[in-house]
Amino acid sequence: MIIVVIKDRLIRGFAAGVLGGGVMAFFDQASVRLGISRLSYSQWAAVYTLGYLPSNFVEGMLGQIGHLMFAGFNGLLFAWIVPHKNQTVIKGVLWGLFIWFFANSVSVIFKTDLLVPKSVGTTMTDFVTAIVYGWVLAAAIKNLESRNAS
């Protein structure tokens, strides 16, 4: 068993965000492979970093790294802004849904042609994986906070 102790609260938030983003990406990729979703988070991040949908492995990996960094940064913000004394998991789920709605709104407001409109399957996948992200983020922060306290 590996025990990780991270002293800095914001770094704990970033690490928890990357973990949540990884779990989120796993379910997102499964949804794409099953034909439920048409647009993965790695493609979404590639559009924002490259300006086009990825067409090869390197561009896809750049998009995936971009997604994980975005998830990590949102975890850092969660650790910084949201108090974690009570109901951490509920707050995490709400945070994940807030980020999902905000990111989708940016795509619509700025009319990012490659990202909108989305299919119902993609939207539902994004909604569910936002909940998964928030849950994993909050659980990981709670776990890291308790290890740091002992």
Protein backbone atom coordinates (compact mmCIF):
# COMPACT_ATOMS: atom_id res chain seq x y z
CA MET A 1 0.00 0.00 0.00
CA ILE A 2 1.32 3.41 -0.97
CA ILE A 3 0.68 6.24 1.44
CA VAL A 4 1.00 9.70 -0.03
CA VAL A 5 1.46 12.74 2.19
CA ILE A 6 1.31 16.07 0.39
CA LYS A 7 1.84 19.02 2.71
CA ASP A 8 0.47 21.81 0.50
CA ARG A 9 -3.33 22.03 0.28
CA LEU A 10 -3.35 23.41 -3.28
CA ILE A 11 -1.03 20.66 -4.52
CA ARG A 12 -3.35 18.12 -2.86
CA GLY A 13 -6.22 19.72 -4.77
CA PHE A 14 -4.30 19.58 -8.04
CA ALA A 15 -3.37 15.92 -7.51
CA ALA A 16 -6.96 15.04 -6.60
CA GLY A 17 -8.15 16.92 -9.69
CA VAL A 18 -5.80 14.98 -11.97
CA LEU A 19 -6.97 11.73 -10.38
CA GLY A 20 -10.61 12.74 -10.85
CA GLY A 21 -9.87 13.77 -14.43
CA GLY A 22 -8.26 10.40 -15.11
CA VAL A 23 -11.28 8.48 -13.81
CA MET A 24 -13.55 10.85 -15.71
CA ALA A 25 -11.56 10.29 -18.93
CA PHE A 26 -11.76 6.50 -18.50
CA PHE A 27 -15.56 6.57 -18.43
CA ASP A 28 -15.66 9.21 -21.17
CA GLN A 29 -13.48 7.10 -23.50
CA ALA A 30 -15.62 4.04 -22.75
CA SER A 31 -18.71 6.02 -23.73
CA VAL A 32 -17.06 7.08 -27.01
CA ARG A 33 -16.01 3.49 -27.75
CA LEU A 34 -19.56 2.26 -27.05
CA GLY A 35 -20.97 4.87 -29.44
CA ILE A 36 -22.86 6.78 -26.75
CA SER A 37 -20.74 9.92 -26.98
CA ARG A 38 -19.30 11.51 -30.11
CA LEU A 39 -16.77 13.86 -28.52
CA SER A 40 -14.23 12.90 -25.85
CA TYR A 41 -12.64 15.22 -23.32
CA SER A 42 -9.27 14.73 -25.02
CA GLN A 43 -10.81 15.97 -28.29
CA TRP A 44 -12.42 18.89 -26.46
CA ALA A 45 -9.09 19.90 -24.91
CA ALA A 46 -7.29 19.48 -28.25
CA VAL A 47 -9.73 21.90 -29.90
CA TYR A 48 -8.97 24.48 -27.20
CA THR A 49 -5.19 23.96 -27.38
CA LEU A 50 -4.65 23.19 -31.09
CA GLY A 51 -7.71 24.78 -32.67
CA TYR A 52 -8.79 21.58 -34.41
CA LEU A 53 -9.79 18.00 -33.66
CA PRO A 54 -6.81 15.69 -33.15
CA SER A 55 -5.94 13.60 -36.17
CA ASN A 56 -3.11 11.45 -34.81
CA PHE A 57 -1.84 9.85 -31.60
CA VAL A 58 0.42 12.75 -30.56
CA GLU A 59 -2.35 15.31 -30.98
CA GLY A 60 -4.75 13.03 -29.07
CA MET A 61 -2.24 12.66 -26.23
CA LEU A 62 -1.71 16.43 -26.15
CA GLY A 63 -5.48 16.79 -25.80
CA GLN A 64 -5.56 14.19 -23.01
CA ILE A 65 -2.75 15.94 -21.14
CA GLY A 66 -4.61 19.23 -21.60
CA HIS A 67 -7.76 17.68 -20.15
CA LEU A 68 -5.87 16.33 -17.13
CA MET A 69 -4.21 19.71 -16.52
CA PHE A 70 -7.62 21.41 -16.75
CA ALA A 71 -9.03 18.86 -14.28
CA GLY A 72 -6.02 19.38 -11.99
CA PHE A 73 -6.38 23.15 -12.08
CA ASN A 74 -10.08 22.84 -11.24
CA GLY A 75 -9.13 20.56 -8.33
CA LEU A 76 -6.68 23.21 -7.13
CA LEU A 77 -9.45 25.83 -7.27
CA PHE A 78 -11.80 23.47 -5.41
CA ALA A 79 -9.22 23.00 -2.64
CA TRP A 80 -8.62 26.75 -2.45
CA ILE A 81 -12.19 28.09 -2.66
CA VAL A 82 -14.50 25.47 -1.18
CA PRO A 83 -14.39 24.71 2.57
CA HIS A 84 -14.12 20.95 3.24
CA LYS A 85 -15.26 20.56 6.83
CA ASN A 86 -18.67 19.00 6.06
CA GLN A 87 -20.44 17.41 3.10
CA THR A 88 -17.25 17.30 1.02
CA VAL A 89 -18.56 14.76 -1.50
CA ILE A 90 -21.76 16.70 -2.17
CA LYS A 91 -19.70 19.87 -2.63
CA GLY A 92 -17.41 17.97 -5.00
CA VAL A 93 -20.30 16.72 -7.11
CA LEU A 94 -21.75 20.23 -7.29
CA TRP A 95 -18.31 21.58 -8.21
CA GLY A 96 -18.00 19.02 -11.02
CA LEU A 97 -21.41 19.99 -12.36
CA PHE A 98 -20.55 23.69 -12.12
CA ILE A 99 -17.33 23.17 -14.14
CA TRP A 100 -19.25 21.09 -16.70
CA PHE A 101 -21.90 23.77 -17.14
CA PHE A 102 -19.33 26.59 -17.25
CA ALA A 103 -17.12 24.84 -19.84
CA ASN A 104 -20.13 24.03 -22.01
CA SER A 105 -21.34 27.62 -21.73
CA VAL A 106 -17.97 28.95 -22.91
CA SER A 107 -18.16 26.71 -25.99
CA VAL A 108 -21.65 27.97 -26.79
CA ILE A 109 -21.01 31.64 -26.02
CA PHE A 110 -17.89 31.74 -28.18
CA LYS A 111 -19.54 29.53 -30.83
CA THR A 112 -16.73 26.98 -30.95
CA ASP A 113 -17.94 25.21 -34.10
CA LEU A 114 -16.06 21.97 -33.47
CA LEU A 115 -17.60 21.59 -30.00
CA VAL A 116 -21.23 22.63 -30.53
CA PRO A 117 -23.86 21.45 -31.06
CA LYS A 118 -23.42 18.28 -29.03
CA SER A 119 -25.42 15.09 -29.29
CA VAL A 120 -27.68 14.09 -26.42
CA GLY A 121 -25.41 11.10 -25.75
CA THR A 122 -22.34 13.35 -25.47
CA THR A 123 -24.19 15.78 -23.20
CA MET A 124 -25.43 12.98 -20.92
CA THR A 125 -21.97 11.41 -20.81
CA ASP A 126 -20.45 14.77 -19.89
CA PHE A 127 -23.08 15.26 -17.18
CA VAL A 128 -22.45 11.83 -15.63
CA THR A 129 -18.67 12.08 -15.86
CA ALA A 130 -18.82 15.56 -14.26
CA ILE A 131 -20.54 13.91 -11.29
CA VAL A 132 -17.88 11.16 -11.26
CA TYR A 133 -15.14 13.81 -11.42
CA GLY A 134 -16.58 15.76 -8.50
CA TRP A 135 -17.06 12.63 -6.42
CA VAL A 136 -13.51 11.34 -7.02
CA LEU A 137 -12.06 14.85 -6.51
CA ALA A 138 -13.79 15.27 -3.16
CA ALA A 139 -13.05 11.73 -1.96
CA ALA A 140 -9.37 12.09 -2.91
CA ILE A 141 -9.04 15.46 -1.19
CA LYS A 142 -10.77 14.10 1.91
CA ASN A 143 -8.39 11.12 1.90
CA LEU A 144 -5.29 13.30 1.38
CA GLU A 145 -6.44 15.77 4.05
CA SER A 146 -6.91 12.97 6.60
CA ARG A 147 -3.47 11.51 5.82
CA ASN A 148 -1.90 14.94 6.16
CA ALA A 149 -3.57 15.49 9.55
CA SER A 150 -2.14 12.27 11.01
